[in-house]
Amino acid sequence: MPVLITYDVSRRHLDLKQRLAVGGYLFQLTDPRDQKVFYLPNTALYHQSKTVQQAMSDMKQACSALGIQLERAFATEVGSVWDCIPGNPYSTPRF
């Protein structure tokens, strides 16, 4: 099931996102109903097939490898009912 993880880190935010992107985490997602792209907030990532526990473990491992303090994190499954403000494409690279 898809998972969304949101977090706060002490530093090197973009390095963390880049490291997790290698593992399939995304900073945007496409609504399968209408193919509209949604850009997630800066400290949120989405994965199509991780469990909540795997996402949290991946986050902790990535922070440890980069020497980053993980200040807080929250992971949850993404169901079929959700709503958001889609945002605009990021003006600078996210990683």
Protein backbone atom coordinates (compact mmCIF):
# COMPACT_ATOMS: atom_id res chain seq x y z
CA MET A 1 0.00 0.00 0.00
CA PRO A 2 1.28 3.54 -0.65
CA VAL A 3 2.79 5.43 2.25
CA LEU A 4 3.36 9.10 3.02
CA ILE A 5 6.11 10.10 5.42
CA THR A 6 6.65 13.60 6.75
CA TYR A 7 9.61 14.64 8.85
CA ASP A 8 11.81 17.36 10.30
CA VAL A 9 15.59 17.10 10.19
CA SER A 10 18.38 19.19 11.64
CA ARG A 11 20.17 19.90 8.34
CA ARG A 12 21.00 18.53 4.86
CA HIS A 13 17.36 18.26 3.91
CA LEU A 14 18.03 18.01 0.17
CA ASP A 15 20.73 15.35 0.67
CA LEU A 16 18.21 13.28 2.60
CA LYS A 17 15.59 13.59 -0.12
CA GLN A 18 18.10 12.63 -2.77
CA ARG A 19 19.15 9.55 -0.81
CA LEU A 20 15.56 8.42 -0.33
CA ALA A 21 14.71 9.12 -3.99
CA VAL A 22 17.21 6.41 -4.93
CA GLY A 23 14.97 4.04 -2.96
CA GLY A 24 11.88 5.06 -4.90
CA TYR A 25 10.53 7.86 -2.71
CA LEU A 26 8.83 10.71 -4.58
CA PHE A 27 8.18 14.37 -3.76
CA GLN A 28 5.19 14.43 -6.07
CA LEU A 29 2.45 12.01 -6.99
CA THR A 30 -0.08 11.60 -9.76
CA ASP A 31 -3.75 11.10 -9.00
CA PRO A 32 -4.74 7.92 -10.86
CA ARG A 33 -8.28 9.25 -11.26
CA ASP A 34 -7.38 12.18 -13.50
CA GLN A 35 -3.56 12.09 -13.87
CA LYS A 36 -3.20 15.44 -12.09
CA VAL A 37 0.23 15.95 -10.48
CA PHE A 38 0.40 16.94 -6.82
CA TYR A 39 3.59 18.43 -5.37
CA LEU A 40 4.10 17.43 -1.76
CA PRO A 41 5.30 19.83 0.95
CA ASN A 42 9.08 20.10 1.33
CA THR A 43 9.36 17.61 4.18
CA ALA A 44 7.04 14.93 2.85
CA LEU A 45 7.78 11.95 0.65
CA TYR A 46 5.60 9.29 -0.96
CA HIS A 47 6.36 5.67 -1.79
CA GLN A 48 4.06 3.47 -3.85
CA SER A 49 4.72 0.16 -2.11
CA LYS A 50 6.37 0.56 1.31
CA THR A 51 4.78 -0.19 4.65
CA VAL A 52 4.68 2.43 7.38
CA GLN A 53 7.37 0.50 9.26
CA GLN A 54 9.62 0.24 6.18
CA ALA A 55 9.28 3.96 5.48
CA MET A 56 10.22 4.86 9.04
CA SER A 57 13.15 2.44 8.95
CA ASP A 58 14.34 3.87 5.62
CA MET A 59 14.13 7.39 7.05
CA LYS A 60 16.10 6.47 10.17
CA GLN A 61 18.77 4.63 8.17
CA ALA A 62 19.17 7.49 5.68
CA CYS A 63 19.51 10.04 8.48
CA SER A 64 22.05 7.89 10.28
CA ALA A 65 24.10 7.38 7.12
CA LEU A 66 24.16 11.13 6.47
CA GLY A 67 24.81 12.12 10.09
CA ILE A 68 21.51 13.99 10.26
CA GLN A 69 19.41 14.29 13.39
CA LEU A 70 15.85 13.11 12.73
CA GLU A 71 13.88 15.48 14.92
CA ARG A 72 10.42 14.05 14.23
CA ALA A 73 8.68 11.87 11.66
CA PHE A 74 5.22 10.55 10.91
CA ALA A 75 4.36 7.82 8.40
CA THR A 76 0.89 6.73 7.35
CA GLU A 77 -0.75 4.65 4.67
CA VAL A 78 -2.34 6.56 1.81
CA GLY A 79 -5.86 5.40 1.06
CA SER A 80 -8.13 6.10 -1.86
CA VAL A 81 -9.77 9.11 -0.21
CA TRP A 82 -7.61 12.22 0.09
CA ASP A 83 -7.54 15.87 -0.80
CA CYS A 84 -4.79 18.45 -1.15
CA ILE A 85 -3.68 21.72 -2.64
CA PRO A 86 -1.63 20.53 -5.62
CA GLY A 87 0.89 23.38 -5.63
CA ASN A 88 3.04 24.42 -8.53
CA PRO A 89 6.13 22.65 -9.80
CA TYR A 90 9.13 23.46 -7.65
CA SER A 91 11.14 26.41 -9.00
CA THR A 92 14.42 24.88 -7.80
CA PRO A 93 15.50 21.25 -7.83
CA ARG A 94 14.28 19.34 -4.81
CA PHE A 95 17.52 17.35 -4.79
